[in-house]
Amino acid sequence: MGAATVSPIEINRNYGETELKKLAEQVLGLTKMNWNTMALMNKEPVTIEYARKVVDVLKTGLEAEGFLKDFRYYI
């Protein structure tokens, strides 16, 4: 498949009683792409991309004292 080809996903509810529509909305929310980037072939959702950036900041081992703790400041 090409870079711009949409790939469907299958959603299964293995346990719980959440409505499938609600599950689909949550999955859709996790698949938002980062359109504010110059990386043309990035297939990673923005949620994963920024989670990795937060982990990189946390891996530095710096103490939280004196630093902004809210991850939104690192985006």
N, C-alpha and C. Protein backbone atom coordinates (compact mmCIF):
# COMPACT_ATOMS: atom_id res chain seq x y z
N MET A 1 0.83 -1.18 0.00
CA MET A 1 0.00 0.00 0.00
C MET A 1 0.87 1.25 0.00
N GLY A 2 0.37 2.30 -0.61
CA GLY A 2 1.09 3.56 -0.65
C GLY A 2 1.02 4.30 0.67
N ALA A 3 1.79 5.38 0.77
CA ALA A 3 1.86 6.14 2.01
C ALA A 3 0.53 6.78 2.39
N ALA A 4 -0.29 7.12 1.40
CA ALA A 4 -1.55 7.81 1.69
C ALA A 4 -2.75 6.86 1.69
N THR A 5 -2.50 5.57 1.60
CA THR A 5 -3.59 4.60 1.57
C THR A 5 -4.12 4.37 2.98
N VAL A 6 -5.40 4.51 3.13
CA VAL A 6 -6.04 4.30 4.43
C VAL A 6 -6.09 2.81 4.72
N SER A 7 -5.72 2.43 5.93
CA SER A 7 -5.76 1.03 6.35
C SER A 7 -6.85 0.87 7.40
N PRO A 8 -7.87 0.06 7.12
CA PRO A 8 -8.94 -0.12 8.11
C PRO A 8 -8.44 -0.91 9.31
N ILE A 9 -9.08 -0.68 10.45
CA ILE A 9 -8.76 -1.44 11.65
C ILE A 9 -10.02 -2.15 12.13
N GLU A 10 -9.84 -3.23 12.84
CA GLU A 10 -10.96 -3.98 13.40
C GLU A 10 -10.95 -3.78 14.91
N ILE A 11 -12.12 -3.48 15.46
CA ILE A 11 -12.25 -3.26 16.90
C ILE A 11 -13.10 -4.38 17.47
N ASN A 12 -12.57 -5.09 18.46
CA ASN A 12 -13.30 -6.16 19.14
C ASN A 12 -13.40 -5.82 20.62
N ARG A 13 -14.56 -6.06 21.19
CA ARG A 13 -14.73 -5.89 22.64
C ARG A 13 -14.62 -7.29 23.24
N ASN A 14 -13.52 -7.56 23.92
CA ASN A 14 -13.29 -8.87 24.51
C ASN A 14 -13.92 -9.01 25.89
N TYR A 15 -14.07 -7.90 26.57
CA TYR A 15 -14.73 -7.91 27.88
C TYR A 15 -15.26 -6.51 28.16
N GLY A 16 -16.09 -6.42 29.16
CA GLY A 16 -16.69 -5.13 29.50
C GLY A 16 -18.02 -4.93 28.79
N GLU A 17 -18.66 -3.83 29.11
CA GLU A 17 -19.98 -3.57 28.55
C GLU A 17 -20.07 -2.22 27.84
N THR A 18 -18.93 -1.62 27.54
CA THR A 18 -18.92 -0.34 26.85
C THR A 18 -19.50 -0.51 25.45
N GLU A 19 -20.35 0.43 25.05
CA GLU A 19 -20.95 0.36 23.72
C GLU A 19 -19.85 0.44 22.66
N LEU A 20 -20.06 -0.30 21.56
CA LEU A 20 -19.07 -0.30 20.49
C LEU A 20 -18.87 1.09 19.90
N LYS A 21 -19.93 1.89 19.85
CA LYS A 21 -19.78 3.25 19.32
C LYS A 21 -18.82 4.06 20.21
N LYS A 22 -18.95 3.92 21.52
CA LYS A 22 -18.07 4.63 22.45
C LYS A 22 -16.62 4.14 22.29
N LEU A 23 -16.44 2.83 22.15
CA LEU A 23 -15.10 2.28 21.93
C LEU A 23 -14.50 2.82 20.64
N ALA A 24 -15.31 2.88 19.59
CA ALA A 24 -14.84 3.39 18.31
C ALA A 24 -14.42 4.86 18.42
N GLU A 25 -15.18 5.65 19.18
CA GLU A 25 -14.83 7.06 19.38
C GLU A 25 -13.50 7.19 20.12
N GLN A 26 -13.29 6.33 21.11
CA GLN A 26 -12.04 6.37 21.88
C GLN A 26 -10.85 5.96 21.00
N VAL A 27 -11.03 4.93 20.19
CA VAL A 27 -9.96 4.50 19.29
C VAL A 27 -9.66 5.60 18.28
N LEU A 28 -10.70 6.22 17.74
CA LEU A 28 -10.50 7.31 16.79
C LEU A 28 -9.71 8.45 17.43
N GLY A 29 -10.01 8.75 18.68
CA GLY A 29 -9.28 9.80 19.39
C GLY A 29 -7.80 9.49 19.56
N LEU A 30 -7.45 8.22 19.61
CA LEU A 30 -6.05 7.82 19.76
C LEU A 30 -5.31 7.73 18.43
N THR A 31 -6.02 7.89 17.32
CA THR A 31 -5.40 7.73 16.01
C THR A 31 -5.22 9.04 15.26
N LYS A 32 -5.40 10.16 15.94
CA LYS A 32 -5.26 11.46 15.28
C LYS A 32 -3.82 11.65 14.82
N MET A 33 -3.67 12.07 13.58
CA MET A 33 -2.35 12.29 13.02
C MET A 33 -1.89 13.71 13.30
N ASN A 34 -0.59 13.91 13.34
CA ASN A 34 -0.01 15.23 13.57
C ASN A 34 0.17 15.93 12.23
N TRP A 35 -0.75 16.79 11.89
CA TRP A 35 -0.69 17.50 10.61
C TRP A 35 0.19 18.73 10.71
N ASN A 36 0.69 19.06 11.89
CA ASN A 36 1.56 20.22 12.08
C ASN A 36 3.03 19.82 12.02
N THR A 37 3.36 18.92 11.14
CA THR A 37 4.73 18.44 11.04
C THR A 37 5.21 18.53 9.60
N MET A 38 6.49 18.60 9.43
CA MET A 38 7.08 18.60 8.09
C MET A 38 7.46 17.18 7.66
N ALA A 39 7.31 16.21 8.55
CA ALA A 39 7.62 14.81 8.23
C ALA A 39 6.50 14.25 7.37
N LEU A 40 6.76 14.10 6.09
CA LEU A 40 5.71 13.71 5.15
C LEU A 40 5.27 12.26 5.29
N MET A 41 6.16 11.39 5.66
CA MET A 41 5.84 9.96 5.70
C MET A 41 5.63 9.44 7.12
N ASN A 42 5.32 10.29 8.06
CA ASN A 42 5.10 9.87 9.44
C ASN A 42 3.73 9.20 9.55
N LYS A 43 3.72 7.92 9.91
CA LYS A 43 2.46 7.18 10.03
C LYS A 43 2.07 6.98 11.49
N GLU A 44 2.75 7.66 12.40
CA GLU A 44 2.51 7.48 13.82
C GLU A 44 1.49 8.49 14.34
N PRO A 45 0.49 8.05 15.08
CA PRO A 45 -0.48 8.99 15.64
C PRO A 45 0.18 9.98 16.59
N VAL A 46 -0.39 11.14 16.70
CA VAL A 46 0.17 12.20 17.54
C VAL A 46 0.23 11.76 19.01
N THR A 47 -0.70 10.92 19.44
CA THR A 47 -0.70 10.46 20.83
C THR A 47 0.55 9.65 21.15
N ILE A 48 0.98 8.81 20.22
CA ILE A 48 2.18 8.00 20.40
C ILE A 48 3.43 8.87 20.30
N GLU A 49 3.43 9.77 19.33
CA GLU A 49 4.58 10.65 19.12
C GLU A 49 4.89 11.47 20.37
N TYR A 50 3.87 12.09 20.95
CA TYR A 50 4.11 12.93 22.12
C TYR A 50 4.32 12.12 23.38
N ALA A 51 3.75 10.94 23.46
CA ALA A 51 4.03 10.07 24.60
C ALA A 51 5.52 9.71 24.62
N ARG A 52 6.09 9.46 23.45
CA ARG A 52 7.52 9.16 23.37
C ARG A 52 8.36 10.37 23.78
N LYS A 53 7.91 11.57 23.39
CA LYS A 53 8.65 12.78 23.78
C LYS A 53 8.62 12.97 25.29
N VAL A 54 7.49 12.70 25.92
CA VAL A 54 7.39 12.82 27.38
C VAL A 54 8.30 11.80 28.04
N VAL A 55 8.34 10.59 27.52
CA VAL A 55 9.22 9.55 28.07
C VAL A 55 10.67 9.98 27.95
N ASP A 56 11.05 10.58 26.81
CA ASP A 56 12.42 11.06 26.65
C ASP A 56 12.78 12.08 27.72
N VAL A 57 11.85 12.97 28.03
CA VAL A 57 12.09 13.97 29.08
C VAL A 57 12.23 13.27 30.43
N LEU A 58 11.36 12.30 30.71
CA LEU A 58 11.40 11.62 32.00
C LEU A 58 12.65 10.76 32.16
N LYS A 59 13.17 10.22 31.04
CA LYS A 59 14.36 9.38 31.10
C LYS A 59 15.62 10.16 31.45
N THR A 60 15.57 11.47 31.35
CA THR A 60 16.76 12.26 31.69
C THR A 60 17.09 12.14 33.17
N GLY A 61 16.09 11.77 33.98
CA GLY A 61 16.33 11.57 35.40
C GLY A 61 16.39 12.85 36.20
N LEU A 62 15.97 13.95 35.62
CA LEU A 62 15.98 15.21 36.34
C LEU A 62 14.90 15.21 37.41
N GLU A 63 15.19 15.85 38.51
CA GLU A 63 14.20 15.98 39.57
C GLU A 63 13.11 16.94 39.12
N ALA A 64 11.89 16.67 39.51
CA ALA A 64 10.76 17.51 39.11
C ALA A 64 10.76 18.86 39.82
N GLU A 65 11.50 18.98 40.90
CA GLU A 65 11.56 20.25 41.64
C GLU A 65 12.10 21.34 40.73
N GLY A 66 11.37 22.43 40.63
CA GLY A 66 11.83 23.55 39.83
C GLY A 66 11.49 23.44 38.35
N PHE A 67 10.94 22.32 37.92
CA PHE A 67 10.55 22.14 36.53
C PHE A 67 9.03 22.10 36.44
N LEU A 68 8.52 22.45 35.29
CA LEU A 68 7.08 22.34 35.06
C LEU A 68 6.73 20.87 34.96
N LYS A 69 5.74 20.44 35.73
CA LYS A 69 5.40 19.03 35.78
C LYS A 69 4.34 18.63 34.75
N ASP A 70 3.59 19.58 34.27
CA ASP A 70 2.52 19.26 33.32
C ASP A 70 3.14 18.95 31.96
N PHE A 71 2.86 17.76 31.42
CA PHE A 71 3.48 17.32 30.18
C PHE A 71 3.14 18.23 29.00
N ARG A 72 2.05 19.00 29.08
CA ARG A 72 1.68 19.88 27.97
C ARG A 72 2.76 20.91 27.67
N TYR A 73 3.58 21.24 28.65
CA TYR A 73 4.63 22.22 28.43
C TYR A 73 5.79 21.64 27.63
N TYR A 74 5.83 20.34 27.45
CA TYR A 74 6.91 19.70 26.71
C TYR A 74 6.51 19.37 25.27
N ILE A 75 5.31 19.72 24.88
CA ILE A 75 4.82 19.40 23.54
C ILE A 75 5.25 20.48 22.57
